[in-house]
Protein backbone atom coordinates (compact mmCIF):
# COMPACT_ATOMS: atom_id res chain seq x y z
CA MET A 1 0.00 0.00 0.00
CA LEU A 2 1.32 3.41 -0.92
CA THR A 3 2.02 5.80 1.96
CA ARG A 4 0.78 9.38 1.83
CA ARG A 5 4.16 10.85 0.86
CA PRO A 6 4.81 8.61 -2.19
CA VAL A 7 1.24 9.19 -3.34
CA MET A 8 1.74 12.96 -3.16
CA MET A 9 5.08 12.67 -4.98
CA PHE A 10 3.48 10.52 -7.68
CA ALA A 11 0.67 13.05 -8.11
CA ALA A 12 3.15 15.92 -8.34
CA LEU A 13 5.21 14.11 -10.96
CA THR A 14 2.06 13.37 -12.94
CA VAL A 15 1.14 17.08 -12.95
CA VAL A 16 4.66 18.02 -14.07
CA ALA A 17 4.61 15.43 -16.83
CA THR A 18 1.18 16.54 -17.99
CA SER A 19 2.23 20.20 -17.97
CA ALA A 20 5.38 19.37 -19.94
CA ALA A 21 3.36 17.43 -22.50
CA PHE A 22 0.90 20.33 -22.79
CA ALA A 23 3.73 22.83 -23.23
CA GLN A 24 5.30 20.62 -25.87
CA ASP A 25 1.96 20.36 -27.65
CA LYS A 26 1.76 24.16 -27.92
CA SER A 27 4.31 24.22 -30.71
CA ILE A 28 4.28 23.62 -34.45
CA ALA A 29 6.85 23.08 -37.18
CA VAL A 30 6.60 25.32 -40.24
CA ALA A 31 8.58 24.38 -43.36
CA SER A 32 9.18 27.64 -45.17
CA THR A 33 11.15 29.15 -48.00
CA THR A 34 14.47 30.69 -47.04
CA SER A 35 13.32 34.20 -47.96
CA THR A 36 10.83 34.40 -45.09
CA GLN A 37 13.61 33.51 -42.67
CA ASP A 38 16.59 35.26 -44.27
CA SER A 39 14.67 38.50 -44.79
CA GLY A 40 13.96 38.70 -41.06
CA LEU A 41 10.17 38.47 -41.53
CA PHE A 42 9.73 35.60 -39.09
CA GLY A 43 11.77 37.46 -36.50
CA GLN A 44 9.24 40.27 -36.85
CA ILE A 45 5.93 38.38 -36.83
CA LEU A 46 6.45 35.21 -34.76
CA PRO A 47 6.80 36.99 -31.39
CA ALA A 48 3.46 38.70 -32.07
CA PHE A 49 1.84 35.36 -32.91
CA LYS A 50 3.32 33.72 -29.80
CA LYS A 51 2.00 36.55 -27.62
CA LYS A 52 -1.46 36.20 -29.15
CA SER A 53 -1.74 32.41 -29.15
CA GLY A 54 0.89 30.98 -26.80
CA ILE A 55 2.04 28.75 -29.69
CA ASP A 56 5.75 28.35 -30.42
CA VAL A 57 6.73 28.10 -34.09
CA ARG A 58 9.82 26.12 -35.09
CA VAL A 59 10.87 27.21 -38.57
CA ILE A 60 12.44 24.71 -40.97
CA SER A 61 14.09 27.06 -43.48
CA GLN A 62 14.49 25.41 -46.90
CA GLY A 63 14.02 26.03 -50.57
CA THR A 64 10.39 25.70 -51.62
CA GLY A 65 10.88 22.28 -53.24
CA GLN A 66 12.51 20.92 -50.09
CA ALA A 67 9.86 22.52 -47.88
CA LEU A 68 7.09 20.85 -49.89
CA ASP A 69 8.94 17.51 -49.61
CA THR A 70 9.15 18.04 -45.85
CA GLY A 71 5.38 18.51 -45.82
CA ARG A 72 4.85 15.41 -47.96
CA ARG A 73 6.81 13.35 -45.41
CA GLY A 74 4.76 14.79 -42.57
CA ASP A 75 7.81 16.38 -40.97
CA ALA A 76 6.04 19.76 -40.65
CA ASP A 77 2.58 20.91 -39.66
CA VAL A 78 2.44 23.88 -42.02
CA VAL A 79 4.16 24.75 -45.31
CA PHE A 80 4.69 28.45 -46.20
CA VAL A 81 6.32 28.89 -49.63
CA HIS A 82 6.23 30.77 -52.95
CA ALA A 83 5.70 28.57 -56.00
CA LYS A 84 1.97 28.57 -56.75
CA PRO A 85 1.87 25.73 -59.33
CA GLN A 86 3.80 23.45 -56.95
CA GLU A 87 1.59 24.50 -54.03
CA GLN A 88 -1.56 23.73 -56.01
CA LYS A 89 -0.18 20.29 -56.91
CA PHE A 90 0.69 19.70 -53.24
CA VAL A 91 -2.98 20.26 -52.34
CA ALA A 92 -4.35 18.39 -55.39
CA ASP A 93 -2.24 15.36 -54.47
CA GLY A 94 -3.78 15.35 -51.00
CA PHE A 95 -0.71 16.46 -49.02
CA GLY A 96 -2.16 19.84 -48.10
CA VAL A 97 -5.66 20.74 -46.94
CA ARG A 98 -6.05 24.12 -48.64
CA ARG A 99 -3.81 26.83 -50.05
CA TYR A 100 -4.21 30.35 -48.67
CA PRO A 101 -2.56 33.36 -50.35
CA VAL A 102 -0.73 35.46 -47.76
CA MET A 103 1.45 38.16 -49.30
CA TYR A 104 3.59 39.11 -52.26
CA ASN A 105 6.69 40.99 -53.24
CA ASP A 106 8.77 40.78 -56.41
CA PHE A 107 11.87 39.24 -57.85
CA ILE A 108 14.69 41.44 -59.09
CA LEU A 109 17.75 40.77 -61.20
CA VAL A 110 20.90 42.06 -59.55
CA GLY A 111 24.35 42.29 -61.06
CA PRO A 112 27.61 44.25 -61.20
CA LYS A 113 27.60 48.02 -60.97
CA SER A 114 29.89 48.02 -64.03
CA ASN A 115 26.81 47.04 -66.11
CA THR A 116 28.48 44.11 -67.85
CA GLY A 117 25.22 43.14 -69.56
CA GLY A 118 24.41 46.66 -70.64
CA PHE A 119 20.85 46.57 -69.31
CA ASN A 120 21.15 47.99 -65.79
CA GLY A 121 18.23 50.24 -64.94
CA THR A 122 15.78 48.54 -67.33
CA ASN A 123 12.52 46.70 -66.62
CA ASP A 124 12.41 43.95 -69.27
CA ILE A 125 13.58 40.72 -67.70
CA VAL A 126 13.16 38.70 -70.91
CA ALA A 127 15.38 41.07 -72.90
CA ALA A 128 17.98 40.96 -70.10
CA LEU A 129 18.08 37.15 -70.04
CA LYS A 130 18.45 37.01 -73.83
CA THR A 131 21.38 39.43 -73.58
CA ILE A 132 23.00 37.37 -70.82
CA LYS A 133 22.80 34.25 -72.96
CA ASP A 134 23.93 35.95 -76.20
CA LYS A 135 26.89 37.70 -74.55
CA GLY A 136 27.81 34.77 -72.31
CA VAL A 137 27.65 36.98 -69.22
CA THR A 138 28.07 35.14 -65.92
CA PHE A 139 24.75 34.10 -64.38
CA ILE A 140 24.40 32.44 -60.99
CA SER A 141 21.52 30.00 -60.55
CA ARG A 142 20.49 28.59 -57.19
CA GLY A 143 19.81 25.24 -58.86
CA ASP A 144 18.13 23.99 -55.69
CA LYS A 145 14.47 23.47 -56.72
CA SER A 146 13.47 26.48 -54.62
CA GLY A 147 10.66 28.86 -55.51
CA THR A 148 13.23 31.34 -56.81
CA HIS A 149 14.86 28.62 -58.92
CA ALA A 150 11.44 27.63 -60.33
CA ALA A 151 10.74 31.29 -61.17
CA GLU A 152 14.12 31.61 -62.85
CA LEU A 153 13.51 28.53 -65.03
CA ALA A 154 10.08 29.86 -66.01
CA LEU A 155 11.65 33.18 -67.01
CA TRP A 156 14.25 31.49 -69.22
CA LYS A 157 11.43 29.56 -70.88
CA GLY A 158 9.47 32.80 -71.32
CA ALA A 159 12.53 34.25 -73.05
CA GLY A 160 12.47 31.35 -75.53
CA ILE A 161 15.65 29.85 -74.07
CA ASP A 162 15.93 26.13 -73.27
CA ILE A 163 18.43 26.56 -70.46
CA ALA A 164 19.11 22.81 -70.19
CA LYS A 165 20.24 22.80 -73.82
CA ASP A 166 21.49 26.35 -74.35
CA ARG A 167 23.46 26.83 -71.15
CA GLY A 168 27.19 27.32 -71.37
CA PRO A 169 30.09 27.94 -68.98
CA TRP A 170 28.51 31.34 -68.25
CA TYR A 171 25.61 29.60 -66.46
CA LYS A 172 26.70 28.45 -63.02
CA GLU A 173 24.40 26.32 -60.83
CA ILE A 174 25.46 26.24 -57.19
CA GLY A 175 22.76 24.08 -55.57
CA GLN A 176 22.56 26.41 -52.56
CA GLY A 177 20.29 29.03 -51.02
CA MET A 178 19.73 32.68 -51.80
CA GLY A 179 22.43 34.04 -49.51
CA ALA A 180 25.07 31.79 -51.07
CA ALA A 181 23.89 32.71 -54.58
CA LEU A 182 24.16 36.42 -53.81
CA ASN A 183 27.61 35.93 -52.29
CA THR A 184 28.73 34.01 -55.39
CA ALA A 185 27.40 36.71 -57.70
CA SER A 186 29.12 39.38 -55.64
CA ALA A 187 32.44 37.52 -55.76
CA SER A 188 32.26 36.65 -59.47
CA GLY A 189 30.69 39.81 -60.90
CA GLY A 190 27.71 37.80 -62.10
CA TYR A 191 23.97 38.32 -62.32
CA VAL A 192 21.46 36.53 -60.11
CA LEU A 193 17.70 36.48 -59.62
CA THR A 194 16.63 37.18 -56.04
CA ASP A 195 13.51 38.08 -54.13
CA ARG A 196 13.47 41.69 -53.02
CA GLY A 197 13.03 40.82 -49.34
CA THR A 198 16.28 38.87 -49.17
CA TRP A 199 18.08 41.56 -51.18
CA LEU A 200 17.03 44.32 -48.81
CA SER A 201 18.32 42.34 -45.82
CA PHE A 202 21.54 41.17 -47.57
CA LYS A 203 24.65 42.87 -46.21
CA ASN A 204 27.48 41.54 -48.38
CA ARG A 205 26.47 43.27 -51.63
CA GLY A 206 29.93 44.28 -52.79
CA ASP A 207 29.48 45.88 -56.24
CA LEU A 208 26.03 44.36 -56.82
CA VAL A 209 23.16 46.68 -57.74
CA ILE A 210 19.60 46.16 -58.96
CA ALA A 211 19.84 45.69 -62.72
CA VAL A 212 16.25 44.85 -63.69
CA GLU A 213 13.05 45.44 -61.72
CA GLY A 214 9.40 46.32 -62.22
CA ASP A 215 8.51 43.72 -64.88
CA ASN A 216 5.07 42.16 -64.25
CA ARG A 217 6.67 38.75 -64.84
CA LEU A 218 8.70 39.24 -61.65
CA PHE A 219 5.65 39.08 -59.38
CA ASN A 220 6.25 36.77 -56.39
CA GLN A 221 3.23 35.38 -54.49
CA TYR A 222 3.47 33.47 -51.19
CA GLY A 223 0.99 30.85 -49.97
CA VAL A 224 0.50 28.80 -46.81
CA MET A 225 -1.00 25.32 -46.34
CA LEU A 226 -1.79 22.97 -43.50
CA VAL A 227 -0.26 19.54 -44.00
CA ASN A 228 -3.10 17.05 -44.39
CA PRO A 229 -3.71 15.28 -41.04
CA GLU A 230 -5.44 12.47 -42.93
CA LYS A 231 -2.07 11.66 -44.50
CA HIS A 232 -0.12 12.15 -41.27
CA LYS A 233 -2.09 11.63 -38.06
CA HIS A 234 0.49 13.41 -35.91
CA VAL A 235 0.00 16.78 -37.67
CA LYS A 236 -1.17 19.38 -35.15
CA LYS A 237 -4.26 20.39 -37.05
CA GLU A 238 -5.73 22.92 -34.60
CA LEU A 239 -2.42 24.65 -33.80
CA GLY A 240 -1.33 24.72 -37.44
CA GLN A 241 -4.65 26.15 -38.57
CA ALA A 242 -4.45 28.74 -35.79
CA PHE A 243 -1.16 29.96 -37.27
CA ILE A 244 -2.65 30.12 -40.77
CA ASP A 245 -5.75 31.92 -39.51
CA TRP A 246 -3.56 34.49 -37.76
CA LEU A 247 -1.39 35.06 -40.86
CA ILE A 248 -4.43 35.90 -42.98
CA SER A 249 -6.23 37.86 -40.26
CA PRO A 250 -6.11 41.68 -40.16
CA GLU A 251 -3.65 41.46 -37.26
CA GLY A 252 -1.30 39.10 -39.06
CA GLN A 253 -1.54 41.00 -42.32
CA ARG A 254 -0.74 44.22 -40.49
CA ALA A 255 2.31 42.61 -38.85
CA ILE A 256 3.58 41.57 -42.30
CA ALA A 257 2.97 45.04 -43.76
CA ASP A 258 4.73 46.71 -40.84
CA TYR A 259 8.02 44.92 -41.45
CA ARG A 260 10.50 47.30 -43.06
CA ILE A 261 14.22 47.61 -43.60
CA GLY A 262 15.60 51.10 -44.13
CA GLY A 263 12.05 52.36 -44.44
CA GLN A 264 11.24 49.96 -47.29
CA GLN A 265 8.37 47.48 -46.98
CA LEU A 266 9.53 43.94 -47.80
CA PHE A 267 6.22 42.11 -48.20
CA PHE A 268 2.73 43.24 -49.20
CA PRO A 269 -0.18 41.34 -47.61
CA ASN A 270 -2.96 40.25 -49.97
CA ALA A 271 -4.73 37.41 -48.18
CA ASN A 272 -8.08 39.11 -48.55
CA SER A 273 -7.72 40.25 -52.14
CA PRO A 274 -10.24 38.49 -54.44
CA GLY A 275 -8.31 35.51 -55.76
CA ALA A 276 -5.14 37.09 -54.35
CA GLN A 277 -5.05 39.46 -57.29
CA ARG A 278 -1.90 41.48 -57.81
CA ARG A 279 -2.27 44.92 -56.33
CA ALA A 280 -0.55 48.19 -56.99
CA ALA A 281 2.43 48.75 -54.72
CA PRO A 282 4.47 51.82 -53.90
CA ALA A 283 7.65 53.17 -55.47
CA ALA A 284 9.99 50.21 -55.99
CA HIS A 285 7.08 47.99 -57.04
CA ALA A 286 5.17 50.52 -59.08
CA ALA A 287 5.12 48.43 -62.25
CA ILE A 288 3.58 45.41 -60.53
CA PRO A 289 -0.22 45.41 -60.99
């Protein structure tokens, strides 16, 4: 028969264990594109979400392709990326419950201040890519199946260039993230496609400047999805959906809009736009509808 003291100790340990389990349960894993992490956006918005909900968010920062694979394996509760066709397939294949548009910014082409390609200050990305190919100017590709890499490949195709066939020594795939690609471009005097958010937060620019911006084809939409709990029973459905609901709420959208570097807004919320239509944006994004 248990004495009073062991019974009390057992009860106390049970409470501690239950509390620990509850605390552990108040966390989710979010697989997300590197730009949301590297730009500092998560550092801005996650404390506000934690204060509101009590939910901790563990970010798995990867290229979009890897993040979607993480979701397919059930190693994340939520996927937050920027490659709409791949996101739609993720949902259509039953790995995600629903895709919600969250925000947008744009891609830009950056390159050497010396204007090697001769198109610095222009807004026609297709013409710039054709010039890069024709002149054999160094171009750095992430080559990592990220959202930015997917956008780059689509732009080459839009320029009528089969990059798999037409590439030469000027086209350098590094198989790494955006920061590494920018560092490589800076060191080699090459051009690289980057999202504006990462560019604004990037410190090691060297002689890199924005070469091409403002083309409608450079629009960059972000979406978020709950990993399907019917595929992976351990997915924290309620907590993951709470994060999604907060992101698309007026409070979450305001937190995204309020994030700035040097006075410049990095992301433009559009969760509540009909069909997540492209909206007019200020100054640096003026040409994006």
